[in-house]
Amino acid sequence: MTVDAKPYPRVQFLIDTFAQWLRHRRELSELRQLDRDDFERIATDLQVTPADLDELVRHGEHAADELPQMLKALGIDEAALGRAEPLVLRDMERVCAMCKDKPRCHRDLAAGTSAEHYEEYCLNAPTIDRLGAAAVKH
């Protein structure tokens, strides 16, 4: 008689989350071991300030996960934007990653009300508005 293994998605989610946290802690530790010149050189290569690089690393790899959802909610094709304006998209990701208003963004995305409210809190709103205006002109 065989026993079928029952999936436990909640437990697996917790294990995966903990593994991501450990990986992030390891990355932070490695980053802290760099000397200041190497760290500044990496920041320069990425075209960000050392302070921004430090903050981006602290926020982790999923810090800008809301941006694709926001762009979609606003009718902006992320892939097309990435092809036409890769530096603009990268800067938008940086801005999103350092956002302090994630809870409100999550609520609006979940409720489907982002288009009505993003300008009230989204630091990418001016760029999004310019992208929208440029799309109308074409």
Protein backbone atom coordinates (compact mmCIF):
# COMPACT_ATOMS: atom_id res chain seq x y z
CA MET A 1 0.00 0.00 0.00
CA THR A 2 1.39 3.38 -0.97
CA VAL A 3 0.71 6.59 0.78
CA ASP A 4 0.14 9.54 -1.50
CA ALA A 5 2.03 12.56 -0.35
CA LYS A 6 -0.40 15.36 0.25
CA PRO A 7 0.84 18.75 -0.79
CA TYR A 8 0.97 21.31 1.96
CA PRO A 9 1.09 24.60 0.06
CA ARG A 10 1.11 26.76 3.19
CA VAL A 11 4.10 24.91 4.64
CA GLN A 12 5.88 25.00 1.28
CA PHE A 13 5.21 28.75 1.05
CA LEU A 14 6.74 29.26 4.52
CA ILE A 15 9.77 27.15 3.61
CA ASP A 16 10.26 29.05 0.35
CA THR A 17 9.85 32.41 2.10
CA PHE A 18 12.38 31.46 4.75
CA ALA A 19 14.82 30.24 2.08
CA GLN A 20 14.47 33.55 0.24
CA TRP A 21 15.07 35.43 3.49
CA LEU A 22 18.22 33.40 4.19
CA ARG A 23 19.49 33.97 0.65
CA HIS A 24 18.85 37.70 1.02
CA ARG A 25 20.69 37.80 4.36
CA ARG A 26 23.64 36.03 2.73
CA GLU A 27 23.64 38.57 -0.11
CA LEU A 28 23.58 41.43 2.39
CA SER A 29 26.49 39.88 4.26
CA GLU A 30 28.49 39.52 1.05
CA LEU A 31 27.74 43.12 0.12
CA ARG A 32 28.87 44.36 3.55
CA GLN A 33 32.19 42.56 3.06
CA LEU A 34 33.02 44.62 -0.05
CA ASP A 35 35.38 47.48 0.52
CA ARG A 36 33.99 50.96 -0.14
CA ASP A 37 35.83 51.39 -3.48
CA ASP A 38 34.40 48.14 -4.89
CA PHE A 39 30.93 49.04 -3.68
CA GLU A 40 31.12 52.50 -5.26
CA ARG A 41 32.44 51.00 -8.49
CA ILE A 42 29.47 48.61 -8.64
CA ALA A 43 27.07 51.50 -7.99
CA THR A 44 28.72 53.53 -10.75
CA ASP A 45 28.47 50.57 -13.16
CA LEU A 46 24.77 50.32 -12.37
CA GLN A 47 24.37 54.10 -12.71
CA VAL A 48 22.98 54.55 -9.20
CA THR A 49 24.35 56.25 -6.13
CA PRO A 50 26.01 54.08 -3.49
CA ALA A 51 23.21 55.04 -1.07
CA ASP A 52 20.57 53.93 -3.60
CA LEU A 53 22.41 50.67 -4.24
CA ASP A 54 22.57 49.99 -0.51
CA GLU A 55 18.84 50.63 -0.13
CA LEU A 56 17.94 48.57 -3.21
CA VAL A 57 19.88 45.60 -1.88
CA ARG A 58 18.20 45.92 1.52
CA HIS A 59 14.75 45.87 -0.13
CA GLY A 60 15.53 42.63 -1.97
CA GLU A 61 14.91 41.20 -5.39
CA HIS A 62 11.11 41.50 -5.29
CA ALA A 63 11.02 45.15 -4.28
CA ALA A 64 9.64 46.31 -7.63
CA ASP A 65 7.16 43.49 -8.25
CA GLU A 66 4.29 45.97 -8.20
CA LEU A 67 5.53 47.90 -11.25
CA PRO A 68 4.50 45.36 -13.93
CA GLN A 69 1.08 45.08 -12.31
CA MET A 70 0.71 48.86 -12.18
CA LEU A 71 1.76 49.28 -15.80
CA LYS A 72 -0.72 46.62 -16.86
CA ALA A 73 -3.50 48.24 -14.83
CA LEU A 74 -2.75 51.52 -16.61
CA GLY A 75 -2.65 49.96 -20.08
CA ILE A 76 1.10 50.34 -20.58
CA ASP A 77 2.89 47.48 -22.31
CA GLU A 78 5.93 46.77 -20.14
CA ALA A 79 7.72 44.74 -22.83
CA ALA A 80 7.25 47.48 -25.42
CA LEU A 81 8.44 50.08 -22.92
CA GLY A 82 11.51 47.96 -22.17
CA ARG A 83 12.35 47.79 -25.87
CA ALA A 84 11.70 51.48 -26.58
CA GLU A 85 12.94 53.05 -23.33
CA PRO A 86 15.02 50.53 -21.34
CA LEU A 87 16.62 53.20 -19.15
CA VAL A 88 13.23 54.71 -18.31
CA LEU A 89 11.89 51.30 -17.30
CA ARG A 90 14.98 50.59 -15.20
CA ASP A 91 14.62 53.93 -13.43
CA MET A 92 10.94 53.21 -12.80
CA GLU A 93 11.94 49.88 -11.24
CA ARG A 94 14.44 51.68 -8.99
CA VAL A 95 11.79 54.20 -7.90
CA CYS A 96 9.24 51.45 -7.29
CA ALA A 97 11.73 49.36 -5.32
CA MET A 98 12.35 52.21 -2.89
CA CYS A 99 8.69 53.20 -2.52
CA LYS A 100 7.37 53.73 0.99
CA ASP A 101 3.71 53.41 -0.05
CA LYS A 102 3.58 49.69 -0.90
CA PRO A 103 0.52 48.91 1.25
CA ARG A 104 -1.62 51.46 -0.58
CA CYS A 105 -0.31 50.29 -3.94
CA HIS A 106 -1.16 46.67 -3.06
CA ARG A 107 -4.67 47.65 -1.97
CA ASP A 108 -5.34 49.59 -5.16
CA LEU A 109 -3.92 46.86 -7.37
CA ALA A 110 -6.04 44.23 -5.60
CA ALA A 111 -9.16 46.39 -5.77
CA GLY A 112 -8.59 47.37 -9.39
CA THR A 113 -8.55 51.07 -8.49
CA SER A 114 -4.95 51.89 -9.38
CA ALA A 115 -5.87 53.93 -12.44
CA GLU A 116 -8.01 56.23 -10.32
CA HIS A 117 -5.58 56.71 -7.44
CA TYR A 118 -1.95 56.08 -8.44
CA GLU A 119 -1.21 59.79 -8.94
CA GLU A 120 -1.94 60.38 -5.24
CA TYR A 121 0.99 58.26 -4.03
CA CYS A 122 3.02 56.68 -6.85
CA LEU A 123 6.42 58.31 -7.26
CA ASN A 124 6.41 57.03 -10.85
CA ALA A 125 3.21 58.97 -11.64
CA PRO A 126 4.96 61.81 -13.54
CA THR A 127 6.79 59.28 -15.73
CA ILE A 128 3.64 57.22 -16.23
CA ASP A 129 1.73 60.35 -17.19
CA ARG A 130 4.42 61.32 -19.72
CA LEU A 131 4.34 57.80 -21.17
CA GLY A 132 0.56 58.02 -21.48
CA ALA A 133 0.78 61.43 -23.17
CA ALA A 134 3.43 60.12 -25.59
CA ALA A 135 1.22 57.12 -26.47
CA VAL A 136 -1.69 59.45 -27.28
CA LYS A 137 0.51 61.48 -29.65
CA HIS A 138 1.49 58.39 -31.69
